[in-house]
Amino acid sequence: EEVKQVPVTAAYRQNCEGITRWRLSVCEATHSHKEIEMAIEAGSIEEVVDQAKMELELLPFVISRRPWEVPVDWEPPQFMVDGFEFDWMKLRQDRIDKSIKMRSEMTEQD
């Protein structure tokens, strides 16, 4: 429940909830410790429980630091390749725009 203080759009919350749902579904599907350990691939049952406890201890720290918020005065770092400076945020946005345009121009047959 504490993770719900993190916005649903934050990768941290999505990952926490996704991992927890996956591990819970595995545990509900089988009661064999060996099968659970093989399916989860995160060590022994005891290690998985320890991981969950550590995540719960980390959660208040993450919530207090709010890493999903970008400071108002934040400037993206410049990307240098072979002495040329690139605005990687612009490059990324241009690629997204190009992809959206290409998809909108495609027909169902493409």
C-alpha atoms as a PDB file:
ATOM      1  CA  GLU A   1       0.000   0.000   0.000  1.00  0.00           C
ATOM      2  CA  GLU A   2       2.870   2.372   0.725  1.00  0.00           C
ATOM      3  CA  VAL A   3       4.011   2.183  -2.912  1.00  0.00           C
ATOM      4  CA  LYS A   4       0.753   3.904  -3.895  1.00  0.00           C
ATOM      5  CA  GLN A   5       2.301   7.173  -2.691  1.00  0.00           C
ATOM      6  CA  VAL A   6       4.500   6.959  -5.793  1.00  0.00           C
ATOM      7  CA  PRO A   7       2.810   8.128  -9.030  1.00  0.00           C
ATOM      8  CA  VAL A   8       1.557   5.324 -11.284  1.00  0.00           C
ATOM      9  CA  THR A   9       3.671   6.771 -14.088  1.00  0.00           C
ATOM     10  CA  ALA A  10       6.926   6.306 -12.145  1.00  0.00           C
ATOM     11  CA  ALA A  11       9.069   3.410 -13.352  1.00  0.00           C
ATOM     12  CA  TYR A  12       9.942   2.540  -9.741  1.00  0.00           C
ATOM     13  CA  ARG A  13       6.289   1.890  -8.852  1.00  0.00           C
ATOM     14  CA  GLN A  14       5.621   0.013 -12.085  1.00  0.00           C
ATOM     15  CA  ASN A  15       8.616  -2.239 -11.477  1.00  0.00           C
ATOM     16  CA  CYS A  16       7.786  -2.848  -7.800  1.00  0.00           C
ATOM     17  CA  GLU A  17       4.191  -3.725  -8.559  1.00  0.00           C
ATOM     18  CA  GLY A  18       5.098  -5.832 -11.585  1.00  0.00           C
ATOM     19  CA  ILE A  19       7.692  -7.884  -9.717  1.00  0.00           C
ATOM     20  CA  THR A  20       5.376  -8.329  -6.737  1.00  0.00           C
ATOM     21  CA  ARG A  21       2.440  -9.408  -8.932  1.00  0.00           C
ATOM     22  CA  TRP A  22       4.656 -11.871 -10.820  1.00  0.00           C
ATOM     23  CA  ARG A  23       6.066 -13.402  -7.640  1.00  0.00           C
ATOM     24  CA  LEU A  24       2.619 -13.622  -6.037  1.00  0.00           C
ATOM     25  CA  SER A  25       1.137 -15.317  -9.106  1.00  0.00           C
ATOM     26  CA  VAL A  26       3.953 -17.881  -9.067  1.00  0.00           C
ATOM     27  CA  CYS A  27       3.377 -18.569  -5.367  1.00  0.00           C
ATOM     28  CA  GLU A  28      -0.366 -18.951  -5.909  1.00  0.00           C
ATOM     29  CA  ALA A  29       0.156 -21.300  -8.863  1.00  0.00           C
ATOM     30  CA  THR A  30       2.315 -23.774  -6.967  1.00  0.00           C
ATOM     31  CA  HIS A  31       3.144 -24.577  -3.381  1.00  0.00           C
ATOM     32  CA  SER A  32       6.434 -26.296  -4.125  1.00  0.00           C
ATOM     33  CA  HIS A  33       9.367 -24.248  -2.890  1.00  0.00           C
ATOM     34  CA  LYS A  34      11.598 -25.711  -5.569  1.00  0.00           C
ATOM     35  CA  GLU A  35       9.178 -24.796  -8.392  1.00  0.00           C
ATOM     36  CA  ILE A  36       8.707 -21.286  -6.993  1.00  0.00           C
ATOM     37  CA  GLU A  37      12.478 -20.772  -6.799  1.00  0.00           C
ATOM     38  CA  MET A  38      12.921 -22.038 -10.364  1.00  0.00           C
ATOM     39  CA  ALA A  39      10.129 -19.826 -11.733  1.00  0.00           C
ATOM     40  CA  ILE A  40      11.129 -16.638  -9.921  1.00  0.00           C
ATOM     41  CA  GLU A  41      14.867 -17.086 -10.577  1.00  0.00           C
ATOM     42  CA  ALA A  42      15.855 -14.821  -7.680  1.00  0.00           C
ATOM     43  CA  GLY A  43      17.458 -17.282  -5.292  1.00  0.00           C
ATOM     44  CA  SER A  44      15.955 -19.347  -2.515  1.00  0.00           C
ATOM     45  CA  ILE A  45      12.577 -18.579  -0.935  1.00  0.00           C
ATOM     46  CA  GLU A  46      14.404 -17.075   2.036  1.00  0.00           C
ATOM     47  CA  GLU A  47      16.347 -14.751  -0.288  1.00  0.00           C
ATOM     48  CA  VAL A  48      13.146 -13.683  -2.059  1.00  0.00           C
ATOM     49  CA  VAL A  49      11.574 -12.849   1.313  1.00  0.00           C
ATOM     50  CA  ASP A  50      14.715 -10.898   2.288  1.00  0.00           C
ATOM     51  CA  GLN A  51      14.535  -8.989  -1.006  1.00  0.00           C
ATOM     52  CA  ALA A  52      10.916  -8.041  -0.306  1.00  0.00           C
ATOM     53  CA  LYS A  53      11.815  -6.870   3.208  1.00  0.00           C
ATOM     54  CA  MET A  54      14.688  -4.762   1.869  1.00  0.00           C
ATOM     55  CA  GLU A  55      12.387  -3.201  -0.738  1.00  0.00           C
ATOM     56  CA  LEU A  56       9.937  -2.267   2.021  1.00  0.00           C
ATOM     57  CA  GLU A  57      12.805  -0.652   3.951  1.00  0.00           C
ATOM     58  CA  LEU A  58      13.891   1.264   0.832  1.00  0.00           C
ATOM     59  CA  LEU A  59      10.406   2.529  -0.019  1.00  0.00           C
ATOM     60  CA  PRO A  60      10.202   5.410   2.526  1.00  0.00           C
ATOM     61  CA  PHE A  61      13.597   6.679   1.323  1.00  0.00           C
ATOM     62  CA  VAL A  62      12.464   6.628  -2.315  1.00  0.00           C
ATOM     63  CA  ILE A  63       9.201   8.370  -1.432  1.00  0.00           C
ATOM     64  CA  SER A  64      11.047  11.099   0.478  1.00  0.00           C
ATOM     65  CA  ARG A  65      13.522  11.688  -2.371  1.00  0.00           C
ATOM     66  CA  ARG A  66      10.827  11.740  -5.112  1.00  0.00           C
ATOM     67  CA  PRO A  67      13.171  10.764  -7.974  1.00  0.00           C
ATOM     68  CA  TRP A  68      10.302  10.873 -10.478  1.00  0.00           C
ATOM     69  CA  GLU A  69      10.134  14.672 -10.179  1.00  0.00           C
ATOM     70  CA  VAL A  70      12.351  16.723 -12.476  1.00  0.00           C
ATOM     71  CA  PRO A  71      13.658  19.947 -10.893  1.00  0.00           C
ATOM     72  CA  VAL A  72      12.360  23.096 -12.593  1.00  0.00           C
ATOM     73  CA  ASP A  73      15.884  24.361 -13.294  1.00  0.00           C
ATOM     74  CA  TRP A  74      17.132  21.041 -14.715  1.00  0.00           C
ATOM     75  CA  GLU A  75      19.007  21.254 -17.988  1.00  0.00           C
ATOM     76  CA  PRO A  76      19.542  18.045 -19.951  1.00  0.00           C
ATOM     77  CA  PRO A  77      23.209  17.184 -20.442  1.00  0.00           C
ATOM     78  CA  GLN A  78      24.684  17.683 -23.872  1.00  0.00           C
ATOM     79  CA  PHE A  79      25.651  14.647 -25.871  1.00  0.00           C
ATOM     80  CA  MET A  80      29.113  14.814 -27.494  1.00  0.00           C
ATOM     81  CA  VAL A  81      30.135  12.523 -30.370  1.00  0.00           C
ATOM     82  CA  ASP A  82      33.413  13.039 -32.203  1.00  0.00           C
ATOM     83  CA  GLY A  83      33.556  16.619 -30.976  1.00  0.00           C
ATOM     84  CA  PHE A  84      30.032  17.454 -32.152  1.00  0.00           C
ATOM     85  CA  GLU A  85      27.404  18.429 -29.627  1.00  0.00           C
ATOM     86  CA  PHE A  86      23.920  16.908 -29.955  1.00  0.00           C
ATOM     87  CA  ASP A  87      20.688  17.695 -28.170  1.00  0.00           C
ATOM     88  CA  TRP A  88      19.714  14.110 -27.343  1.00  0.00           C
ATOM     89  CA  MET A  89      16.285  15.153 -26.069  1.00  0.00           C
ATOM     90  CA  LYS A  90      15.557  16.747 -29.456  1.00  0.00           C
ATOM     91  CA  LEU A  91      16.923  13.666 -31.260  1.00  0.00           C
ATOM     92  CA  ARG A  92      14.637  11.460 -29.187  1.00  0.00           C
ATOM     93  CA  GLN A  93      11.590  13.646 -29.779  1.00  0.00           C
ATOM     94  CA  ASP A  94      12.332  13.795 -33.516  1.00  0.00           C
ATOM     95  CA  ARG A  95      12.457   9.987 -33.654  1.00  0.00           C
ATOM     96  CA  ILE A  96       9.174   9.706 -31.786  1.00  0.00           C
ATOM     97  CA  ASP A  97       7.528  12.265 -34.105  1.00  0.00           C
ATOM     98  CA  LYS A  98       8.871  10.451 -37.171  1.00  0.00           C
ATOM     99  CA  SER A  99       7.567   7.116 -35.874  1.00  0.00           C
ATOM    100  CA  ILE A 100       4.113   8.588 -35.171  1.00  0.00           C
ATOM    101  CA  LYS A 101       4.013  10.140 -38.646  1.00  0.00           C
ATOM    102  CA  MET A 102       5.039   6.866 -40.315  1.00  0.00           C
ATOM    103  CA  ARG A 103       2.388   4.922 -38.400  1.00  0.00           C
ATOM    104  CA  SER A 104      -0.326   7.429 -39.274  1.00  0.00           C
ATOM    105  CA  GLU A 105       0.589   7.134 -42.974  1.00  0.00           C
ATOM    106  CA  MET A 106       0.500   3.345 -42.947  1.00  0.00           C
ATOM    107  CA  THR A 107      -2.529   1.534 -44.227  1.00  0.00           C
ATOM    108  CA  GLU A 108      -3.913  -1.603 -42.633  1.00  0.00           C
ATOM    109  CA  GLN A 109      -2.324  -3.633 -45.425  1.00  0.00           C
ATOM    110  CA  ASP A 110       1.183  -2.411 -44.501  1.00  0.00           C
END
